[in-house]
Amino acid sequence: MSEKKILSVGNKVFIRTVTYHTIGRIDSIEDGLIELSEASWIADSGRFSNAIKEGVAVLNEVEPVGRQGVSMGAIVDYFPWEHDLPTKQK
């Protein structure tokens, strides 16, 4: 049995780019752009491994932005987000 790729439509992801971090649900991937819904800019994730393991509760600074496009050329790395998406400013 093979697992679904992390960067697949419908998946929730935590993306780190060269200048920022963001969390959201992938709506589409085309023309070098990932479009996210329910997206939040993460100004401060706190301890990174804790954020990935524990979710929203340990994020220090969150700015919900709704829809967002992310250039695939700017992505440094990405991780599956196995938690609820942040919905409140923090």
Protein backbone atom coordinates (compact mmCIF):
# COMPACT_ATOMS: atom_id res chain seq x y z
CA MET A 1 0.00 0.00 0.00
CA SER A 2 1.46 3.38 -0.96
CA GLU A 3 0.87 6.58 0.97
CA LYS A 4 -0.52 9.69 -0.67
CA LYS A 5 2.14 12.30 -1.48
CA ILE A 6 2.38 15.20 0.95
CA LEU A 7 1.91 17.76 -1.82
CA SER A 8 -1.46 16.51 -3.05
CA VAL A 9 -4.76 18.33 -3.44
CA GLY A 10 -6.80 18.09 -0.24
CA ASN A 11 -3.84 17.59 2.08
CA LYS A 12 -2.98 19.96 4.94
CA VAL A 13 0.65 21.11 4.90
CA PHE A 14 3.18 23.19 6.81
CA ILE A 15 5.41 24.89 4.23
CA ARG A 16 8.68 26.69 4.91
CA THR A 17 9.84 29.05 2.17
CA VAL A 18 12.99 31.12 1.95
CA THR A 19 11.25 34.00 3.80
CA TYR A 20 8.19 32.70 5.69
CA HIS A 21 6.21 29.73 7.03
CA THR A 22 2.60 28.94 6.20
CA ILE A 23 -0.02 26.30 6.96
CA GLY A 24 -3.06 25.49 4.84
CA ARG A 25 -5.04 23.01 2.77
CA ILE A 26 -3.89 22.43 -0.81
CA ASP A 27 -6.61 23.39 -3.29
CA SER A 28 -4.55 23.17 -6.48
CA ILE A 29 -1.04 22.74 -7.83
CA GLU A 30 -0.32 24.11 -11.29
CA ASP A 31 2.06 26.34 -13.19
CA GLY A 32 4.60 26.30 -10.34
CA LEU A 33 2.08 27.58 -7.81
CA ILE A 34 0.40 25.89 -4.85
CA GLU A 35 -2.94 27.45 -3.94
CA LEU A 36 -3.95 27.05 -0.30
CA SER A 37 -7.26 27.61 1.46
CA GLU A 38 -7.72 28.04 5.22
CA ALA A 39 -4.14 29.38 5.15
CA SER A 40 -2.23 31.07 7.96
CA TRP A 41 1.10 32.85 7.97
CA ILE A 42 3.15 31.49 10.86
CA ALA A 43 5.36 34.28 12.20
CA ASP A 44 6.70 32.14 15.05
CA SER A 45 6.29 28.37 15.18
CA GLY A 46 8.01 28.01 18.53
CA ARG A 47 10.04 24.80 18.83
CA PHE A 48 9.64 23.41 15.32
CA SER A 49 9.49 19.69 16.10
CA ASN A 50 6.89 20.40 18.80
CA ALA A 51 4.78 22.35 16.30
CA ILE A 52 4.82 19.48 13.82
CA LYS A 53 4.04 16.89 16.52
CA GLU A 54 1.53 18.84 18.63
CA GLY A 55 -0.13 21.34 16.29
CA VAL A 56 -1.74 24.71 16.81
CA ALA A 57 -1.46 24.81 20.60
CA VAL A 58 2.31 25.29 20.49
CA LEU A 59 2.49 27.85 17.66
CA ASN A 60 3.55 31.20 19.12
CA GLU A 61 2.33 33.62 16.44
CA VAL A 62 -0.37 32.91 13.82
CA GLU A 63 -1.98 35.23 11.26
CA PRO A 64 -4.93 33.62 9.42
CA VAL A 65 -5.01 34.88 5.81
CA GLY A 66 -7.65 32.69 4.11
CA ARG A 67 -6.54 31.94 0.53
CA GLN A 68 -2.86 32.04 -0.39
CA GLY A 69 -0.62 31.20 -3.31
CA VAL A 70 2.88 29.83 -2.71
CA SER A 71 5.52 29.71 -5.43
CA MET A 72 7.02 26.22 -5.61
CA GLY A 73 10.37 27.85 -6.45
CA ALA A 74 10.43 29.53 -3.02
CA ILE A 75 9.74 26.35 -1.01
CA VAL A 76 12.61 25.11 1.14
CA ASP A 77 10.73 22.15 2.64
CA TYR A 78 7.25 20.99 3.63
CA PHE A 79 5.63 18.66 6.12
CA PRO A 80 2.25 16.99 6.49
CA TRP A 81 0.05 18.89 8.96
CA GLU A 82 -1.86 16.25 10.92
CA HIS A 83 -3.77 18.71 13.10
CA ASP A 84 -6.61 21.19 12.87
CA LEU A 85 -5.74 24.23 10.79
CA PRO A 86 -5.29 27.43 12.78
CA THR A 87 -8.34 29.71 12.55
CA LYS A 88 -7.60 32.37 15.16
CA GLN A 89 -4.98 35.07 15.31
CA LYS A 90 -2.45 34.39 18.01
